[in-house]
Amino acid sequence: VEAAEKTITLSNIYYRFDSYTLSPESTESLDNLYGFLRQNPNQKIKVLAHTDSRGLGAYNEQLSNLRAREVVRDLIRRGIDPDRLSYEGRGESQLVNECKDGTYCTNDEHAKNRRTEFVLIKN
């Protein structure tokens, strides 16, 4: 059983609405995460991805899994050992604001929920 140490939000990891493709604005944050993993070669992490509340819950669960997987794939492409990485999609289950189904929110407010975090796993 993995024990979590700390959850860290990766700022500026962006996905377009209804997409799991990493946007070009995500590069700097991914570079920083890659650098952290290179400097801490024994550290394992779990990538968590979240969606906004628009769309069906089951679909958002799947979409968030695809988003988290994309971050892990990016790190593997850069040479990080896959055994150090895991991922999980949380869908719309952990919104950071009041933008749940049936509540009017701006696009910017919805975007805050489309976030990626990582958890440090104790070895």
PDB file of N, CA and C in Angstrom:
ATOM      1  N   VAL A   1       0.847  -1.188   0.000  1.00  0.00           N
ATOM      2  CA  VAL A   1       0.000   0.000   0.000  1.00  0.00           C
ATOM      3  C   VAL A   1       0.886   1.243   0.000  1.00  0.00           C
ATOM      4  N   GLU A   2       0.595   2.145  -0.909  1.00  0.00           N
ATOM      5  CA  GLU A   2       1.365   3.375  -0.991  1.00  0.00           C
ATOM      6  C   GLU A   2       0.884   4.363   0.058  1.00  0.00           C
ATOM      7  N   ALA A   3       1.826   5.022   0.712  1.00  0.00           N
ATOM      8  CA  ALA A   3       1.483   6.046   1.688  1.00  0.00           C
ATOM      9  C   ALA A   3       1.812   7.410   1.094  1.00  0.00           C
ATOM     10  N   ALA A   4       0.840   8.292   1.061  1.00  0.00           N
ATOM     11  CA  ALA A   4       1.052   9.619   0.491  1.00  0.00           C
ATOM     12  C   ALA A   4       1.727  10.521   1.504  1.00  0.00           C
ATOM     13  N   GLU A   5       2.682  11.299   1.017  1.00  0.00           N
ATOM     14  CA  GLU A   5       3.353  12.272   1.857  1.00  0.00           C
ATOM     15  C   GLU A   5       2.709  13.640   1.741  1.00  0.00           C
ATOM     16  N   LYS A   6       2.498  14.086   0.522  1.00  0.00           N
ATOM     17  CA  LYS A   6       2.094  15.465   0.294  1.00  0.00           C
ATOM     18  C   LYS A   6       1.517  15.580  -1.112  1.00  0.00           C
ATOM     19  N   THR A   7       0.449  16.346  -1.256  1.00  0.00           N
ATOM     20  CA  THR A   7      -0.123  16.598  -2.576  1.00  0.00           C
ATOM     21  C   THR A   7       0.284  17.992  -3.028  1.00  0.00           C
ATOM     22  N   ILE A   8       0.770  18.082  -4.259  1.00  0.00           N
ATOM     23  CA  ILE A   8       1.263  19.345  -4.809  1.00  0.00           C
ATOM     24  C   ILE A   8       0.528  19.624  -6.109  1.00  0.00           C
ATOM     25  N   THR A   9      -0.054  20.802  -6.222  1.00  0.00           N
ATOM     26  CA  THR A   9      -0.727  21.182  -7.465  1.00  0.00           C
ATOM     27  C   THR A   9       0.311  21.671  -8.459  1.00  0.00           C
ATOM     28  N   LEU A  10       0.247  21.151  -9.658  1.00  0.00           N
ATOM     29  CA  LEU A  10       1.124  21.606 -10.733  1.00  0.00           C
ATOM     30  C   LEU A  10       0.448  22.790 -11.396  1.00  0.00           C
ATOM     31  N   SER A  11       1.011  23.953 -11.221  1.00  0.00           N
ATOM     32  CA  SER A  11       0.395  25.118 -11.849  1.00  0.00           C
ATOM     33  C   SER A  11       0.670  25.088 -13.348  1.00  0.00           C
ATOM     34  N   ASN A  12      -0.231  25.652 -14.081  1.00  0.00           N
ATOM     35  CA  ASN A  12      -0.080  25.829 -15.524  1.00  0.00           C
ATOM     36  C   ASN A  12      -0.021  24.544 -16.328  1.00  0.00           C
ATOM     37  N   ILE A  13      -0.612  23.457 -15.821  1.00  0.00           N
ATOM     38  CA  ILE A  13      -0.839  22.288 -16.669  1.00  0.00           C
ATOM     39  C   ILE A  13      -2.260  22.460 -17.178  1.00  0.00           C
ATOM     40  N   TYR A  14      -2.388  22.748 -18.454  1.00  0.00           N
ATOM     41  CA  TYR A  14      -3.696  23.079 -18.993  1.00  0.00           C
ATOM     42  C   TYR A  14      -4.121  22.098 -20.065  1.00  0.00           C
ATOM     43  N   TYR A  15      -5.405  21.864 -20.098  1.00  0.00           N
ATOM     44  CA  TYR A  15      -6.035  21.076 -21.148  1.00  0.00           C
ATOM     45  C   TYR A  15      -7.183  21.917 -21.673  1.00  0.00           C
ATOM     46  N   ARG A  16      -7.417  21.805 -22.950  1.00  0.00           N
ATOM     47  CA  ARG A  16      -8.582  22.471 -23.486  1.00  0.00           C
ATOM     48  C   ARG A  16      -9.838  21.711 -23.033  1.00  0.00           C
ATOM     49  N   PHE A  17     -10.960  22.390 -23.056  1.00  0.00           N
ATOM     50  CA  PHE A  17     -12.235  21.768 -22.678  1.00  0.00           C
ATOM     51  C   PHE A  17     -12.434  20.500 -23.504  1.00  0.00           C
ATOM     52  N   ASP A  18     -12.799  19.406 -22.844  1.00  0.00           N
ATOM     53  CA  ASP A  18     -13.103  18.142 -23.494  1.00  0.00           C
ATOM     54  C   ASP A  18     -11.900  17.547 -24.226  1.00  0.00           C
ATOM     55  N   SER A  19     -10.689  17.794 -23.731  1.00  0.00           N
ATOM     56  CA  SER A  19      -9.482  17.278 -24.369  1.00  0.00           C
ATOM     57  C   SER A  19      -8.507  16.793 -23.308  1.00  0.00           C
ATOM     58  N   TYR A  20      -7.693  15.808 -23.664  1.00  0.00           N
ATOM     59  CA  TYR A  20      -6.636  15.377 -22.754  1.00  0.00           C
ATOM     60  C   TYR A  20      -5.251  15.685 -23.302  1.00  0.00           C
ATOM     61  N   THR A  21      -5.191  16.373 -24.435  1.00  0.00           N
ATOM     62  CA  THR A  21      -3.907  16.769 -24.995  1.00  0.00           C
ATOM     63  C   THR A  21      -3.309  17.895 -24.156  1.00  0.00           C
ATOM     64  N   LEU A  22      -2.057  17.740 -23.788  1.00  0.00           N
ATOM     65  CA  LEU A  22      -1.380  18.785 -23.019  1.00  0.00           C
ATOM     66  C   LEU A  22      -1.175  20.009 -23.901  1.00  0.00           C
ATOM     67  N   SER A  23      -1.475  21.172 -23.376  1.00  0.00           N
ATOM     68  CA  SER A  23      -1.315  22.394 -24.154  1.00  0.00           C
ATOM     69  C   SER A  23       0.137  22.862 -24.091  1.00  0.00           C
ATOM     70  N   PRO A  24       0.557  23.664 -25.063  1.00  0.00           N
ATOM     71  CA  PRO A  24       1.938  24.162 -25.064  1.00  0.00           C
ATOM     72  C   PRO A  24       2.303  24.928 -23.788  1.00  0.00           C
ATOM     73  N   GLU A  25       1.307  25.546 -23.146  1.00  0.00           N
ATOM     74  CA  GLU A  25       1.576  26.301 -21.911  1.00  0.00           C
ATOM     75  C   GLU A  25       2.000  25.382 -20.760  1.00  0.00           C
ATOM     76  N   SER A  26       1.835  24.083 -20.932  1.00  0.00           N
ATOM     77  CA  SER A  26       2.158  23.126 -19.875  1.00  0.00           C
ATOM     78  C   SER A  26       3.647  22.792 -19.797  1.00  0.00           C
ATOM     79  N   THR A  27       4.407  23.149 -20.817  1.00  0.00           N
ATOM     80  CA  THR A  27       5.799  22.712 -20.927  1.00  0.00           C
ATOM     81  C   THR A  27       6.647  23.083 -19.719  1.00  0.00           C
ATOM     82  N   GLU A  28       6.542  24.314 -19.245  1.00  0.00           N
ATOM     83  CA  GLU A  28       7.397  24.751 -18.143  1.00  0.00           C
ATOM     84  C   GLU A  28       7.130  23.948 -16.866  1.00  0.00           C
ATOM     85  N   SER A  29       5.872  23.722 -16.539  1.00  0.00           N
ATOM     86  CA  SER A  29       5.546  22.935 -15.351  1.00  0.00           C
ATOM     87  C   SER A  29       6.025  21.498 -15.493  1.00  0.00           C
ATOM     88  N   LEU A  30       5.873  20.923 -16.685  1.00  0.00           N
ATOM     89  CA  LEU A  30       6.356  19.559 -16.905  1.00  0.00           C
ATOM     90  C   LEU A  30       7.872  19.498 -16.817  1.00  0.00           C
ATOM     91  N   ASP A  31       8.547  20.533 -17.320  1.00  0.00           N
ATOM     92  CA  ASP A  31      10.007  20.604 -17.189  1.00  0.00           C
ATOM     93  C   ASP A  31      10.405  20.634 -15.718  1.00  0.00           C
ATOM     94  N   ASN A  32       9.671  21.402 -14.919  1.00  0.00           N
ATOM     95  CA  ASN A  32       9.980  21.495 -13.491  1.00  0.00           C
ATOM     96  C   ASN A  32       9.755  20.164 -12.784  1.00  0.00           C
ATOM     97  N   LEU A  33       8.661  19.471 -13.113  1.00  0.00           N
ATOM     98  CA  LEU A  33       8.388  18.173 -12.503  1.00  0.00           C
ATOM     99  C   LEU A  33       9.456  17.163 -12.912  1.00  0.00           C
ATOM    100  N   TYR A  34       9.830  17.181 -14.173  1.00  0.00           N
ATOM    101  CA  TYR A  34      10.888  16.298 -14.656  1.00  0.00           C
ATOM    102  C   TYR A  34      12.198  16.577 -13.903  1.00  0.00           C
ATOM    103  N   GLY A  35      12.522  17.861 -13.746  1.00  0.00           N
ATOM    104  CA  GLY A  35      13.741  18.233 -13.014  1.00  0.00           C
ATOM    105  C   GLY A  35      13.703  17.742 -11.575  1.00  0.00           C
ATOM    106  N   PHE A  36      12.558  17.875 -10.934  1.00  0.00           N
ATOM    107  CA  PHE A  36      12.396  17.396  -9.558  1.00  0.00           C
ATOM    108  C   PHE A  36      12.650  15.892  -9.488  1.00  0.00           C
ATOM    109  N   LEU A  37      12.087  15.139 -10.427  1.00  0.00           N
ATOM    110  CA  LEU A  37      12.258  13.683 -10.427  1.00  0.00           C
ATOM    111  C   LEU A  37      13.704  13.287 -10.726  1.00  0.00           C
ATOM    112  N   ARG A  38      14.373  14.044 -11.577  1.00  0.00           N
ATOM    113  CA  ARG A  38      15.794  13.768 -11.865  1.00  0.00           C
ATOM    114  C   ARG A  38      16.653  14.023 -10.625  1.00  0.00           C
ATOM    115  N   GLN A  39      16.323  15.070  -9.872  1.00  0.00           N
ATOM    116  CA  GLN A  39      17.104  15.421  -8.678  1.00  0.00           C
ATOM    117  C   GLN A  39      16.798  14.495  -7.503  1.00  0.00           C
ATOM    118  N   ASN A  40      15.683  13.799  -7.547  1.00  0.00           N
ATOM    119  CA  ASN A  40      15.254  12.905  -6.468  1.00  0.00           C
ATOM    120  C   ASN A  40      14.977  11.523  -7.065  1.00  0.00           C
ATOM    121  N   PRO A  41      16.059  10.802  -7.420  1.00  0.00           N
ATOM    122  CA  PRO A  41      15.903   9.581  -8.220  1.00  0.00           C
ATOM    123  C   PRO A  41      15.155   8.433  -7.537  1.00  0.00           C
ATOM    124  N   ASN A  42      14.938   8.509  -6.246  1.00  0.00           N
ATOM    125  CA  ASN A  42      14.194   7.447  -5.564  1.00  0.00           C
ATOM    126  C   ASN A  42      12.749   7.822  -5.274  1.00  0.00           C
ATOM    127  N   GLN A  43      12.380   9.064  -5.586  1.00  0.00           N
ATOM    128  CA  GLN A  43      11.029   9.540  -5.286  1.00  0.00           C
ATOM    129  C   GLN A  43      10.024   8.976  -6.285  1.00  0.00           C
ATOM    130  N   LYS A  44       8.947   8.406  -5.768  1.00  0.00           N
ATOM    131  CA  LYS A  44       7.826   7.969  -6.609  1.00  0.00           C
ATOM    132  C   LYS A  44       6.710   8.992  -6.475  1.00  0.00           C
ATOM    133  N   ILE A  45       5.937   9.146  -7.543  1.00  0.00           N
ATOM    134  CA  ILE A  45       4.805  10.070  -7.499  1.00  0.00           C
ATOM    135  C   ILE A  45       3.577   9.424  -8.120  1.00  0.00           C
ATOM    136  N   LYS A  46       2.423   9.931  -7.724  1.00  0.00           N
ATOM    137  CA  LYS A  46       1.162   9.592  -8.374  1.00  0.00           C
ATOM    138  C   LYS A  46       0.596  10.889  -8.940  1.00  0.00           C
ATOM    139  N   VAL A  47       0.311  10.894 -10.223  1.00  0.00           N
ATOM    140  CA  VAL A  47      -0.274  12.054 -10.886  1.00  0.00           C
ATOM    141  C   VAL A  47      -1.795  11.954 -10.770  1.00  0.00           C
ATOM    142  N   LEU A  48      -2.424  13.035 -10.322  1.00  0.00           N
ATOM    143  CA  LEU A  48      -3.874  13.111 -10.196  1.00  0.00           C
ATOM    144  C   LEU A  48      -4.390  14.181 -11.149  1.00  0.00           C
ATOM    145  N   ALA A  49      -5.399  13.849 -11.931  1.00  0.00           N
ATOM    146  CA  ALA A  49      -5.981  14.844 -12.829  1.00  0.00           C
ATOM    147  C   ALA A  49      -7.461  15.002 -12.500  1.00  0.00           C
ATOM    148  N   HIS A  50      -7.941  16.217 -12.682  1.00  0.00           N
ATOM    149  CA  HIS A  50      -9.319  16.578 -12.352  1.00  0.00           C
ATOM    150  C   HIS A  50      -9.972  17.261 -13.552  1.00  0.00           C
ATOM    151  N   THR A  51     -11.289  17.152 -13.623  1.00  0.00           N
ATOM    152  CA  THR A  51     -12.044  17.853 -14.662  1.00  0.00           C
ATOM    153  C   THR A  51     -12.954  18.890 -14.019  1.00  0.00           C
ATOM    154  N   ASP A  52     -13.582  19.691 -14.873  1.00  0.00           N
ATOM    155  CA  ASP A  52     -14.652  20.541 -14.365  1.00  0.00           C
ATOM    156  C   ASP A  52     -15.932  19.714 -14.335  1.00  0.00           C
ATOM    157  N   SER A  53     -17.026  20.310 -13.910  1.00  0.00           N
ATOM    158  CA  SER A  53     -18.260  19.547 -13.691  1.00  0.00           C
ATOM    159  C   SER A  53     -19.113  19.391 -14.940  1.00  0.00           C
ATOM    160  N   ARG A  54     -18.740  20.045 -16.031  1.00  0.00           N
ATOM    161  CA  ARG A  54     -19.558  19.942 -17.241  1.00  0.00           C
ATOM    162  C   ARG A  54     -19.414  18.544 -17.839  1.00  0.00           C
ATOM    163  N   GLY A  55     -20.483  18.021 -18.341  1.00  0.00           N
ATOM    164  CA  GLY A  55     -20.466  16.676 -18.912  1.00  0.00           C
ATOM    165  C   GLY A  55     -20.880  15.642 -17.875  1.00  0.00           C
ATOM    166  N   LEU A  56     -21.031  14.414 -18.322  1.00  0.00           N
ATOM    167  CA  LEU A  56     -21.453  13.328 -17.445  1.00  0.00           C
ATOM    168  C   LEU A  56     -20.312  12.902 -16.523  1.00  0.00           C
ATOM    169  N   GLY A  57     -20.661  12.524 -15.310  1.00  0.00           N
ATOM    170  CA  GLY A  57     -19.654  12.129 -14.333  1.00  0.00           C
ATOM    171  C   GLY A  57     -18.761  10.996 -14.809  1.00  0.00           C
ATOM    172  N   ALA A  58     -19.349   9.951 -15.406  1.00  0.00           N
ATOM    173  CA  ALA A  58     -18.566   8.806 -15.876  1.00  0.00           C
ATOM    174  C   ALA A  58     -17.600   9.226 -16.982  1.00  0.00           C
ATOM    175  N   TYR A  59     -18.067  10.100 -17.872  1.00  0.00           N
ATOM    176  CA  TYR A  59     -17.204  10.596 -18.944  1.00  0.00           C
ATOM    177  C   TYR A  59     -16.039  11.398 -18.364  1.00  0.00           C
ATOM    178  N   ASN A  60     -16.333  12.256 -17.384  1.00  0.00           N
ATOM    179  CA  ASN A  60     -15.282  13.073 -16.774  1.00  0.00           C
ATOM    180  C   ASN A  60     -14.255  12.209 -16.050  1.00  0.00           C
ATOM    181  N   GLU A  61     -14.712  11.118 -15.466  1.00  0.00           N
ATOM    182  CA  GLU A  61     -13.794  10.170 -14.817  1.00  0.00           C
ATOM    183  C   GLU A  61     -12.800   9.620 -15.845  1.00  0.00           C
ATOM    184  N   GLN A  62     -13.324   9.206 -16.988  1.00  0.00           N
ATOM    185  CA  GLN A  62     -12.480   8.670 -18.061  1.00  0.00           C
ATOM    186  C   GLN A  62     -11.537   9.749 -18.598  1.00  0.00           C
ATOM    187  N   LEU A  63     -12.071  10.953 -18.818  1.00  0.00           N
ATOM    188  CA  LEU A  63     -11.265  12.049 -19.341  1.00  0.00           C
ATOM    189  C   LEU A  63     -10.119  12.386 -18.381  1.00  0.00           C
ATOM    190  N   SER A  64     -10.406  12.409 -17.089  1.00  0.00           N
ATOM    191  CA  SER A  64      -9.355  12.740 -16.120  1.00  0.00           C
ATOM    192  C   SER A  64      -8.291  11.650 -16.076  1.00  0.00           C
ATOM    193  N   ASN A  65      -8.675  10.392 -16.254  1.00  0.00           N
ATOM    194  CA  ASN A  65      -7.689   9.314 -16.347  1.00  0.00           C
ATOM    195  C   ASN A  65      -6.767   9.515 -17.541  1.00  0.00           C
ATOM    196  N   LEU A  66      -7.346   9.886 -18.675  1.00  0.00           N
ATOM    197  CA  LEU A  66      -6.546  10.137 -19.875  1.00  0.00           C
ATOM    198  C   LEU A  66      -5.597  11.318 -19.669  1.00  0.00           C
ATOM    199  N   ARG A  67      -6.062  12.343 -18.977  1.00  0.00           N
ATOM    200  CA  ARG A  67      -5.212  13.509 -18.705  1.00  0.00           C
ATOM    201  C   ARG A  67      -4.028  13.140 -17.817  1.00  0.00           C
ATOM    202  N   ALA A  68      -4.301  12.392 -16.761  1.00  0.00           N
ATOM    203  CA  ALA A  68      -3.218  11.980 -15.860  1.00  0.00           C
ATOM    204  C   ALA A  68      -2.225  11.088 -16.605  1.00  0.00           C
ATOM    205  N   ARG A  69      -2.753  10.197 -17.433  1.00  0.00           N
ATOM    206  CA  ARG A  69      -1.884   9.306 -18.211  1.00  0.00           C
ATOM    207  C   ARG A  69      -0.982  10.092 -19.161  1.00  0.00           C
ATOM    208  N   GLU A  70      -1.487  11.167 -19.735  1.00  0.00           N
ATOM    209  CA  GLU A  70      -0.674  11.986 -20.646  1.00  0.00           C
ATOM    210  C   GLU A  70       0.543  12.575 -19.929  1.00  0.00           C
ATOM    211  N   VAL A  71       0.348  13.033 -18.688  1.00  0.00           N
ATOM    212  CA  VAL A  71       1.474  13.586 -17.920  1.00  0.00           C
ATOM    213  C   VAL A  71       2.501  12.487 -17.667  1.00  0.00           C
ATOM    214  N   VAL A  72       2.035  11.301 -17.272  1.00  0.00           N
ATOM    215  CA  VAL A  72       2.947  10.180 -17.028  1.00  0.00           C
ATOM    216  C   VAL A  72       3.678   9.800 -18.313  1.00  0.00           C
ATOM    217  N   ARG A  73       2.981   9.742 -19.428  1.00  0.00           N
ATOM    218  CA  ARG A  73       3.621   9.421 -20.712  1.00  0.00           C
ATOM    219  C   ARG A  73       4.702  10.437 -21.061  1.00  0.00           C
ATOM    220  N   ASP A  74       4.423  11.709 -20.805  1.00  0.00           N
ATOM    221  CA  ASP A  74       5.412  12.748 -21.080  1.00  0.00           C
ATOM    222  C   ASP A  74       6.690  12.498 -20.266  1.00  0.00           C
ATOM    223  N   LEU A  75       6.533  12.165 -18.998  1.00  0.00           N
ATOM    224  CA  LEU A  75       7.693  11.921 -18.132  1.00  0.00           C
ATOM    225  C   LEU A  75       8.457  10.669 -18.561  1.00  0.00           C
ATOM    226  N   ILE A  76       7.739   9.632 -18.981  1.00  0.00           N
ATOM    227  CA  ILE A  76       8.392   8.403 -19.458  1.00  0.00           C
ATOM    228  C   ILE A  76       9.170   8.688 -20.737  1.00  0.00           C
ATOM    229  N   ARG A  77       8.577   9.483 -21.633  1.00  0.00           N
ATOM    230  CA  ARG A  77       9.277   9.856 -22.880  1.00  0.00           C
ATOM    231  C   ARG A  77      10.579  10.583 -22.572  1.00  0.00           C
ATOM    232  N   ARG A  78      10.620  11.304 -21.466  1.00  0.00           N
ATOM    233  CA  ARG A  78      11.814  12.046 -21.077  1.00  0.00           C
ATOM    234  C   ARG A  78      12.840  11.162 -20.359  1.00  0.00           C
ATOM    235  N   GLY A  79      12.458   9.912 -20.066  1.00  0.00           N
ATOM    236  CA  GLY A  79      13.409   8.986 -19.471  1.00  0.00           C
ATOM    237  C   GLY A  79      13.172   8.631 -18.009  1.00  0.00           C
ATOM    238  N   ILE A  80      12.061   9.064 -17.439  1.00  0.00           N
ATOM    239  CA  ILE A  80      11.755   8.704 -16.052  1.00  0.00           C
ATOM    240  C   ILE A  80      11.253   7.251 -16.032  1.00  0.00           C
ATOM    241  N   ASP A  81      11.759   6.459 -15.099  1.00  0.00           N
ATOM    242  CA  ASP A  81      11.382   5.052 -14.963  1.00  0.00           C
ATOM    243  C   ASP A  81       9.890   4.929 -14.668  1.00  0.00           C
ATOM    244  N   PRO A  82       9.159   4.172 -15.494  1.00  0.00           N
ATOM    245  CA  PRO A  82       7.720   4.016 -15.280  1.00  0.00           C
ATOM    246  C   PRO A  82       7.362   3.448 -13.904  1.00  0.00           C
ATOM    247  N   ASP A  83       8.268   2.692 -13.298  1.00  0.00           N
ATOM    248  CA  ASP A  83       7.996   2.118 -11.971  1.00  0.00           C
ATOM    249  C   ASP A  83       7.872   3.186 -10.886  1.00  0.00           C
ATOM    250  N   ARG A  84       8.334   4.396 -11.181  1.00  0.00           N
ATOM    251  CA  ARG A  84       8.258   5.495 -10.213  1.00  0.00           C
ATOM    252  C   ARG A  84       6.968   6.294 -10.347  1.00  0.00           C
ATOM    253  N   LEU A  85       6.168   5.968 -11.361  1.00  0.00           N
ATOM    254  CA  LEU A  85       5.016   6.795 -11.709  1.00  0.00           C
ATOM    255  C   LEU A  85       3.722   5.994 -11.670  1.00  0.00           C
ATOM    256  N   SER A  86       2.691   6.609 -11.147  1.00  0.00           N
ATOM    257  CA  SER A  86       1.350   6.052 -11.253  1.00  0.00           C
ATOM    258  C   SER A  86       0.409   7.231 -11.494  1.00  0.00           C
ATOM    259  N   TYR A  87      -0.820   6.929 -11.840  1.00  0.00           N
ATOM    260  CA  TYR A  87      -1.760   8.018 -12.108  1.00  0.00           C
ATOM    261  C   TYR A  87      -3.169   7.595 -11.757  1.00  0.00           C
ATOM    262  N   GLU A  88      -3.985   8.616 -11.560  1.00  0.00           N
ATOM    263  CA  GLU A  88      -5.385   8.389 -11.223  1.00  0.00           C
ATOM    264  C   GLU A  88      -6.201   9.598 -11.655  1.00  0.00           C
ATOM    265  N   GLY A  89      -7.315   9.331 -12.274  1.00  0.00           N
ATOM    266  CA  GLY A  89      -8.249  10.402 -12.609  1.00  0.00           C
ATOM    267  C   GLY A  89      -9.283  10.530 -11.518  1.00  0.00           C
ATOM    268  N   ARG A  90      -9.553  11.757 -11.124  1.00  0.00           N
ATOM    269  CA  ARG A  90     -10.542  12.009 -10.079  1.00  0.00           C
ATOM    270  C   ARG A  90     -11.830  12.600 -10.635  1.00  0.00           C
ATOM    271  N   GLY A  91     -11.884  12.810 -11.955  1.00  0.00           N
ATOM    272  CA  GLY A  91     -13.089  13.364 -12.568  1.00  0.00           C
ATOM    273  C   GLY A  91     -13.475  14.686 -11.941  1.00  0.00           C
ATOM    274  N   GLU A  92     -14.768  14.832 -11.662  1.00  0.00           N
ATOM    275  CA  GLU A  92     -15.285  16.076 -11.079  1.00  0.00           C
ATOM    276  C   GLU A  92     -15.542  15.911  -9.583  1.00  0.00           C
ATOM    277  N   SER A  93     -14.919  14.912  -8.960  1.00  0.00           N
ATOM    278  CA  SER A  93     -15.228  14.580  -7.564  1.00  0.00           C
ATOM    279  C   SER A  93     -14.596  15.522  -6.543  1.00  0.00           C
ATOM    280  N   GLN A  94     -13.599  16.315  -6.945  1.00  0.00           N
ATOM    281  CA  GLN A  94     -12.926  17.188  -5.988  1.00  0.00           C
ATOM    282  C   GLN A  94     -12.782  18.601  -6.556  1.00  0.00           C
ATOM    283  N   LEU A  95     -13.902  19.244  -6.776  1.00  0.00           N
ATOM    284  CA  LEU A  95     -13.901  20.608  -7.304  1.00  0.00           C
ATOM    285  C   LEU A  95     -13.289  21.557  -6.282  1.00  0.00           C
ATOM    286  N   VAL A  96     -12.595  22.582  -6.779  1.00  0.00           N
ATOM    287  CA  VAL A  96     -11.956  23.547  -5.874  1.00  0.00           C
ATOM    288  C   VAL A  96     -12.810  24.793  -5.652  1.00  0.00           C
ATOM    289  N   ASN A  97     -13.964  24.838  -6.308  1.00  0.00           N
ATOM    290  CA  ASN A  97     -14.865  25.972  -6.122  1.00  0.00           C
ATOM    291  C   ASN A  97     -16.312  25.466  -6.182  1.00  0.00           C
ATOM    292  N   GLU A  98     -17.248  26.372  -6.298  1.00  0.00           N
ATOM    293  CA  GLU A  98     -18.673  26.011  -6.249  1.00  0.00           C
ATOM    294  C   GLU A  98     -19.253  25.650  -7.610  1.00  0.00           C
ATOM    295  N   CYS A  99     -18.435  25.370  -8.593  1.00  0.00           N
ATOM    296  CA  CYS A  99     -18.903  25.156  -9.965  1.00  0.00           C
ATOM    297  C   CYS A  99     -19.390  23.736 -10.205  1.00  0.00           C
ATOM    298  N   LYS A 100     -20.353  23.311  -9.411  1.00  0.00           N
ATOM    299  CA  LYS A 100     -20.913  21.967  -9.588  1.00  0.00           C
ATOM    300  C   LYS A 100     -22.054  22.028 -10.593  1.00  0.00           C
ATOM    301  N   ASP A 101     -22.581  20.862 -10.932  1.00  0.00           N
ATOM    302  CA  ASP A 101     -23.693  20.786 -11.885  1.00  0.00           C
ATOM    303  C   ASP A 101     -24.829  21.698 -11.438  1.00  0.00           C
ATOM    304  N   GLY A 102     -25.399  22.430 -12.387  1.00  0.00           N
ATOM    305  CA  GLY A 102     -26.533  23.288 -12.095  1.00  0.00           C
ATOM    306  C   GLY A 102     -26.161  24.670 -11.580  1.00  0.00           C
ATOM    307  N   THR A 103     -24.884  24.957 -11.429  1.00  0.00           N
ATOM    308  CA  THR A 103     -24.421  26.261 -10.950  1.00  0.00           C
ATOM    309  C   THR A 103     -23.776  27.001 -12.112  1.00  0.00           C
ATOM    310  N   TYR A 104     -24.146  28.259 -12.317  1.00  0.00           N
ATOM    311  CA  TYR A 104     -23.519  29.034 -13.392  1.00  0.00           C
ATOM    312  C   TYR A 104     -22.114  29.438 -12.961  1.00  0.00           C
ATOM    313  N   CYS A 105     -21.144  29.182 -13.846  1.00  0.00           N
ATOM    314  CA  CYS A 105     -19.766  29.621 -13.621  1.00  0.00           C
ATOM    315  C   CYS A 105     -19.193  30.098 -14.943  1.00  0.00           C
ATOM    316  N   THR A 106     -18.244  30.998 -14.858  1.00  0.00           N
ATOM    317  CA  THR A 106     -17.554  31.475 -16.054  1.00  0.00           C
ATOM    318  C   THR A 106     -16.601  30.384 -16.543  1.00  0.00           C
ATOM    319  N   ASN A 107     -16.110  30.533 -17.767  1.00  0.00           N
ATOM    320  CA  ASN A 107     -15.123  29.590 -18.297  1.00  0.00           C
ATOM    321  C   ASN A 107     -13.869  29.562 -17.428  1.00  0.00           C
ATOM    322  N   ASP A 108     -13.441  30.728 -16.942  1.00  0.00           N
ATOM    323  CA  ASP A 108     -12.249  30.789 -16.083  1.00  0.00           C
ATOM    324  C   ASP A 108     -12.474  30.041 -14.772  1.00  0.00           C
ATOM    325  N   GLU A 109     -13.680  30.163 -14.222  1.00  0.00           N
ATOM    326  CA  GLU A 109     -13.985  29.437 -12.983  1.00  0.00           C
ATOM    327  C   GLU A 109     -13.975  27.927 -13.220  1.00  0.00           C
ATOM    328  N   HIS A 110     -14.549  27.489 -14.332  1.00  0.00           N
ATOM    329  CA  HIS A 110     -14.514  26.062 -14.669  1.00  0.00           C
ATOM    330  C   HIS A 110     -13.070  25.595 -14.879  1.00  0.00           C
ATOM    331  N   ALA A 111     -12.266  26.422 -15.520  1.00  0.00           N
ATOM    332  CA  ALA A 111     -10.883  26.035 -15.831  1.00  0.00           C
ATOM    333  C   ALA A 111     -10.078  25.725 -14.567  1.00  0.00           C
ATOM    334  N   LYS A 112     -10.390  26.386 -13.455  1.00  0.00           N
ATOM    335  CA  LYS A 112      -9.654  26.136 -12.206  1.00  0.00           C
ATOM    336  C   LYS A 112      -9.802  24.684 -11.750  1.00  0.00           C
ATOM    337  N   ASN A 113     -10.899  24.049 -12.109  1.00  0.00           N
ATOM    338  CA  ASN A 113     -11.113  22.653 -11.721  1.00  0.00           C
ATOM    339  C   ASN A 113     -10.382  21.669 -12.633  1.00  0.00           C
ATOM    340  N   ARG A 114     -10.021  22.101 -13.829  1.00  0.00           N
ATOM    341  CA  ARG A 114      -9.278  21.235 -14.754  1.00  0.00           C
ATOM    342  C   ARG A 114      -7.800  21.334 -14.402  1.00  0.00           C
ATOM    343  N   ARG A 115      -7.438  20.684 -13.311  1.00  0.00           N
ATOM    344  CA  ARG A 115      -6.087  20.829 -12.787  1.00  0.00           C
ATOM    345  C   ARG A 115      -5.408  19.464 -12.664  1.00  0.00           C
ATOM    346  N   THR A 116      -4.099  19.539 -12.503  1.00  0.00           N
ATOM    347  CA  THR A 116      -3.295  18.334 -12.310  1.00  0.00           C
ATOM    348  C   THR A 116      -2.487  18.514 -11.046  1.00  0.00           C
ATOM    349  N   GLU A 117      -2.419  17.471 -10.260  1.00  0.00           N
ATOM    350  CA  GLU A 117      -1.644  17.464  -9.022  1.00  0.00           C
ATOM    351  C   GLU A 117      -0.753  16.233  -9.024  1.00  0.00           C
ATOM    352  N   PHE A 118       0.234  16.245  -8.140  1.00  0.00           N
ATOM    353  CA  PHE A 118       0.954  14.993  -7.928  1.00  0.00           C
ATOM    354  C   PHE A 118       1.153  14.788  -6.444  1.00  0.00           C
ATOM    355  N   VAL A 119       1.218  13.526  -6.085  1.00  0.00           N
ATOM    356  CA  VAL A 119       1.368  13.132  -4.685  1.00  0.00           C
ATOM    357  C   VAL A 119       2.732  12.470  -4.538  1.00  0.00           C
ATOM    358  N   LEU A 120       3.491  12.914  -3.535  1.00  0.00           N
ATOM    359  CA  LEU A 120       4.745  12.253  -3.221  1.00  0.00           C
ATOM    360  C   LEU A 120       4.418  10.960  -2.482  1.00  0.00           C
ATOM    361  N   ILE A 121       4.980   9.870  -2.927  1.00  0.00           N
ATOM    362  CA  ILE A 121       4.732   8.560  -2.324  1.00  0.00           C
ATOM    363  C   ILE A 121       5.924   8.195  -1.447  1.00  0.00           C
ATOM    364  N   LYS A 122       5.662   7.846  -0.208  1.00  0.00           N
ATOM    365  CA  LYS A 122       6.733   7.422   0.701  1.00  0.00           C
ATOM    366  C   LYS A 122       7.296   6.095   0.229  1.00  0.00           C
ATOM    367  N   ASN A 123       8.604   6.006   0.236  1.00  0.00           N
ATOM    368  CA  ASN A 123       9.269   4.760  -0.174  1.00  0.00           C
ATOM    369  C   ASN A 123       9.402   3.796   0.975  1.00  0.00           C
TER     370      ASN A 123
END
